[in-house]
N, C-alpha and C. Protein backbone atom coordinates (compact mmCIF):
# COMPACT_ATOMS: atom_id res chain seq x y z
N UNK A 1 117.95 101.57 89.72
CA UNK A 1 117.81 102.41 90.96
C UNK A 1 116.30 102.83 91.09
N UNK A 2 115.83 103.16 92.45
CA UNK A 2 114.46 103.33 92.84
C UNK A 2 114.13 104.72 92.21
N UNK A 3 113.02 104.87 91.71
CA UNK A 3 112.38 106.38 91.49
C UNK A 3 111.96 106.78 92.67
N UNK A 4 112.49 108.12 92.97
CA UNK A 4 112.25 108.63 94.33
C UNK A 4 110.88 109.39 94.35
N UNK A 5 110.18 109.42 93.12
CA UNK A 5 108.83 110.06 92.93
C UNK A 5 107.85 108.91 92.99
N UNK A 6 108.12 107.72 92.43
CA UNK A 6 107.04 106.66 92.15
C UNK A 6 107.33 105.25 92.83
N UNK A 7 108.36 105.20 93.66
CA UNK A 7 108.53 103.93 94.26
C UNK A 7 108.15 104.12 95.85
N UNK A 8 107.26 103.44 96.36
CA UNK A 8 107.13 103.48 97.64
C UNK A 8 108.31 103.23 98.62
N UNK A 9 108.47 104.06 99.46
CA UNK A 9 109.62 103.83 100.56
C UNK A 9 109.16 103.45 101.93
N UNK A 10 108.12 104.07 102.42
CA UNK A 10 107.74 103.53 103.86
C UNK A 10 105.99 103.63 103.66
N UNK A 11 105.56 102.92 104.59
CA UNK A 11 104.07 102.86 104.77
C UNK A 11 103.64 104.19 105.43
N UNK A 12 102.28 104.53 105.47
CA UNK A 12 102.00 105.72 106.17
C UNK A 12 102.13 105.70 107.80
N UNK A 13 102.10 104.46 108.21
CA UNK A 13 102.32 104.21 109.65
C UNK A 13 103.78 104.45 110.01
N UNK A 14 104.79 103.93 109.11
CA UNK A 14 106.06 104.19 109.41
C UNK A 14 106.61 105.53 109.14
N UNK A 15 106.00 106.26 108.11
CA UNK A 15 106.28 107.64 107.95
C UNK A 15 105.66 108.60 109.20
N UNK A 16 104.59 108.20 109.71
CA UNK A 16 104.25 109.09 110.90
C UNK A 16 105.06 108.67 112.14
N UNK A 17 105.44 107.47 112.34
CA UNK A 17 106.30 107.19 113.45
C UNK A 17 107.77 107.82 113.11
N UNK A 18 108.23 107.77 111.99
CA UNK A 18 109.56 108.37 111.72
C UNK A 18 109.63 109.91 112.02
N UNK A 19 108.43 110.60 111.53
CA UNK A 19 108.17 112.08 111.70
C UNK A 19 107.73 112.41 113.06
N UNK A 20 107.25 111.49 113.79
CA UNK A 20 106.80 111.88 115.20
C UNK A 20 105.43 112.61 115.12
N UNK A 21 104.74 112.37 114.28
CA UNK A 21 103.54 113.01 114.11
C UNK A 21 102.23 112.10 114.23
N UNK A 22 100.99 112.41 114.65
CA UNK A 22 99.86 111.40 114.75
C UNK A 22 99.58 110.77 113.30
N UNK A 23 99.35 109.54 113.41
CA UNK A 23 98.86 109.08 112.06
C UNK A 23 97.76 109.80 111.29
N UNK A 24 96.64 110.18 112.35
CA UNK A 24 95.58 110.73 111.53
C UNK A 24 96.06 112.30 110.94
N UNK A 25 96.96 112.97 111.28
CA UNK A 25 97.47 114.04 110.81
C UNK A 25 98.11 113.65 109.29
N UNK A 26 99.01 112.81 109.32
CA UNK A 26 99.49 112.19 108.13
C UNK A 26 98.46 111.83 107.13
N UNK A 27 97.49 111.05 107.60
CA UNK A 27 96.45 110.60 106.69
C UNK A 27 95.52 111.58 105.95
N UNK A 28 95.35 112.70 106.78
CA UNK A 28 94.66 113.91 106.20
C UNK A 28 95.61 114.52 105.32
N UNK A 29 96.95 114.58 105.34
CA UNK A 29 97.71 115.25 104.35
C UNK A 29 97.77 114.26 103.09
N UNK A 30 97.81 113.05 103.38
CA UNK A 30 97.97 112.04 102.10
C UNK A 30 96.47 112.00 101.32
N UNK A 31 95.16 112.15 102.17
CA UNK A 31 93.96 112.14 101.54
C UNK A 31 93.47 113.50 101.19
N UNK A 32 94.02 114.54 101.19
CA UNK A 32 93.44 115.66 100.70
C UNK A 32 92.42 116.16 101.66
N UNK A 33 92.47 115.97 102.82
CA UNK A 33 91.34 116.48 103.84
C UNK A 33 92.18 117.77 104.68
N UNK A 34 93.31 118.03 104.25
CA UNK A 34 93.96 119.18 105.02
C UNK A 34 93.80 120.30 104.12
N UNK A 35 93.24 121.36 104.45
CA UNK A 35 93.03 122.56 103.55
C UNK A 35 92.56 122.28 102.20
N UNK A 36 91.72 121.21 102.03
CA UNK A 36 91.12 120.98 100.80
C UNK A 36 92.01 120.39 99.81
N UNK A 37 93.48 120.08 99.99
CA UNK A 37 94.13 119.72 99.07
C UNK A 37 95.15 118.64 99.65
N UNK A 38 95.67 117.83 98.70
CA UNK A 38 96.69 116.71 99.10
C UNK A 38 97.99 117.60 99.43
N UNK A 39 98.52 117.47 100.74
CA UNK A 39 99.75 118.22 100.92
C UNK A 39 100.85 117.27 100.65
N UNK A 40 100.61 115.92 100.75
CA UNK A 40 101.83 114.90 100.67
C UNK A 40 101.15 113.75 99.73
N UNK A 41 101.94 113.40 98.61
CA UNK A 41 101.25 112.56 97.78
C UNK A 41 101.68 111.14 98.03
N UNK A 42 100.99 110.24 97.54
CA UNK A 42 101.32 108.71 97.92
C UNK A 42 101.24 108.10 96.38
N UNK A 43 101.65 106.96 96.38
CA UNK A 43 101.55 106.08 95.11
C UNK A 43 100.76 104.72 95.52
N UNK A 44 100.10 104.13 94.42
CA UNK A 44 99.36 102.99 94.68
C UNK A 44 100.31 101.73 95.32
N UNK A 45 99.68 101.09 96.21
CA UNK A 45 100.43 99.93 96.66
C UNK A 45 100.38 98.90 95.56
N UNK A 46 101.56 98.21 95.57
CA UNK A 46 101.81 96.97 94.58
C UNK A 46 100.98 95.87 95.14
N UNK A 47 100.93 95.60 96.37
CA UNK A 47 100.27 94.50 97.11
C UNK A 47 99.81 95.28 98.45
N UNK A 48 98.89 94.72 99.05
CA UNK A 48 98.46 95.03 100.42
C UNK A 48 99.50 95.20 101.55
N UNK A 49 99.74 96.21 102.01
CA UNK A 49 100.74 96.29 103.14
C UNK A 49 102.12 97.18 102.53
N UNK A 50 102.12 97.07 101.45
CA UNK A 50 103.42 97.55 100.73
C UNK A 50 103.62 99.08 100.87
N UNK A 51 104.76 99.63 100.87
CA UNK A 51 105.07 100.92 101.11
C UNK A 51 104.27 101.90 99.94
N UNK A 52 103.62 103.02 100.41
CA UNK A 52 103.07 103.98 99.43
C UNK A 52 103.45 105.45 99.61
N UNK A 53 104.31 105.41 100.57
CA UNK A 53 104.79 106.93 100.61
C UNK A 53 106.27 106.87 100.09
N UNK A 54 106.51 107.59 99.01
CA UNK A 54 107.92 107.72 98.21
C UNK A 54 108.68 108.67 98.96
N UNK A 55 110.03 108.61 98.48
CA UNK A 55 111.07 109.63 99.34
C UNK A 55 110.58 111.03 99.18
N UNK A 56 110.22 111.45 97.93
CA UNK A 56 109.82 112.79 97.90
C UNK A 56 108.49 113.18 98.76
N UNK A 57 107.63 112.31 98.92
CA UNK A 57 106.52 112.62 99.74
C UNK A 57 106.92 112.76 101.29
N UNK A 58 108.12 111.85 101.66
CA UNK A 58 108.58 112.11 103.05
C UNK A 58 109.05 113.55 103.26
N UNK A 59 109.81 114.03 102.11
CA UNK A 59 110.49 115.36 102.12
C UNK A 59 109.23 116.38 102.20
N UNK A 60 108.02 116.18 101.50
CA UNK A 60 106.95 117.03 101.54
C UNK A 60 106.45 117.00 102.89
N UNK A 61 106.43 115.91 103.56
CA UNK A 61 105.88 115.80 104.90
C UNK A 61 106.77 116.55 105.89
N UNK A 62 108.05 116.30 105.71
CA UNK A 62 108.99 116.98 106.52
C UNK A 62 109.00 118.60 106.53
N UNK A 63 108.67 119.08 105.23
CA UNK A 63 108.58 120.71 105.01
C UNK A 63 107.14 120.88 105.54
N UNK A 64 106.17 120.20 105.47
CA UNK A 64 104.96 120.64 106.07
C UNK A 64 104.83 120.54 107.61
N UNK A 65 105.62 119.67 108.26
CA UNK A 65 105.84 119.68 109.59
C UNK A 65 106.48 120.86 109.98
N UNK A 66 107.66 121.23 109.29
CA UNK A 66 108.58 122.36 109.57
C UNK A 66 107.78 123.72 109.43
N UNK A 67 106.71 123.69 108.37
CA UNK A 67 106.02 124.97 108.19
C UNK A 67 105.02 125.07 109.45
N UNK A 68 104.48 123.88 109.80
CA UNK A 68 103.56 124.11 110.94
C UNK A 68 104.31 124.56 112.22
N UNK A 69 105.41 124.03 112.37
CA UNK A 69 106.07 124.50 113.72
C UNK A 69 106.43 125.69 113.52
N UNK A 70 106.69 126.51 112.37
CA UNK A 70 107.09 127.85 112.15
C UNK A 70 105.83 128.75 112.57
N UNK A 71 104.61 128.24 111.89
CA UNK A 71 103.38 129.01 112.20
C UNK A 71 103.07 129.12 113.55
N UNK A 72 103.29 127.86 114.28
CA UNK A 72 102.75 127.80 115.73
C UNK A 72 103.56 128.71 116.60
N UNK A 73 104.96 128.45 116.20
CA UNK A 73 106.09 129.24 117.13
C UNK A 73 105.70 130.67 116.80
N UNK A 74 105.54 131.21 115.46
CA UNK A 74 105.49 132.60 115.30
C UNK A 74 104.31 133.20 115.91
N UNK A 75 103.31 132.34 116.08
CA UNK A 75 101.90 132.83 116.74
C UNK A 75 102.25 133.04 118.31
N UNK A 76 102.92 132.03 118.86
CA UNK A 76 103.21 132.02 120.43
C UNK A 76 104.19 133.32 120.44
N UNK A 77 105.08 133.53 119.91
CA UNK A 77 105.91 134.72 119.97
C UNK A 77 105.18 135.96 119.78
N UNK A 78 104.32 136.09 118.79
CA UNK A 78 103.55 137.34 118.72
C UNK A 78 102.51 137.50 119.84
N UNK A 79 101.97 136.47 120.17
CA UNK A 79 101.08 136.64 121.56
C UNK A 79 102.00 137.02 122.64
N UNK A 80 103.14 136.59 122.82
CA UNK A 80 103.90 137.01 124.06
C UNK A 80 104.42 138.29 123.96
N UNK A 81 104.80 138.69 122.75
CA UNK A 81 105.16 140.12 122.50
C UNK A 81 104.15 141.05 122.68
N UNK A 82 102.94 140.74 122.39
CA UNK A 82 101.80 141.58 122.49
C UNK A 82 101.58 141.91 124.05
N UNK A 83 101.81 140.94 124.83
CA UNK A 83 101.60 141.05 126.22
C UNK A 83 102.59 141.85 126.89
N UNK A 84 103.70 142.00 126.38
CA UNK A 84 104.97 142.70 126.95
C UNK A 84 104.63 144.09 127.01
């Protein structure tokens, strides 16, 4: 059985396509360029081109996307409420 924490499931490109987010956004999350911390972890590739995003990291990315949507949505709601 695959280790959901340490076995690569998808490449970063496949992950960004699956989540429908820009590759640059996912790359910043994987490389610790977002908020000065790594938001989504990755595992070392066994060979070039091999998957480096484990299942748990896909879940981390999903929750990060969901959190971003909530923040953006709540800001929009707040702005529209203040105008009313």
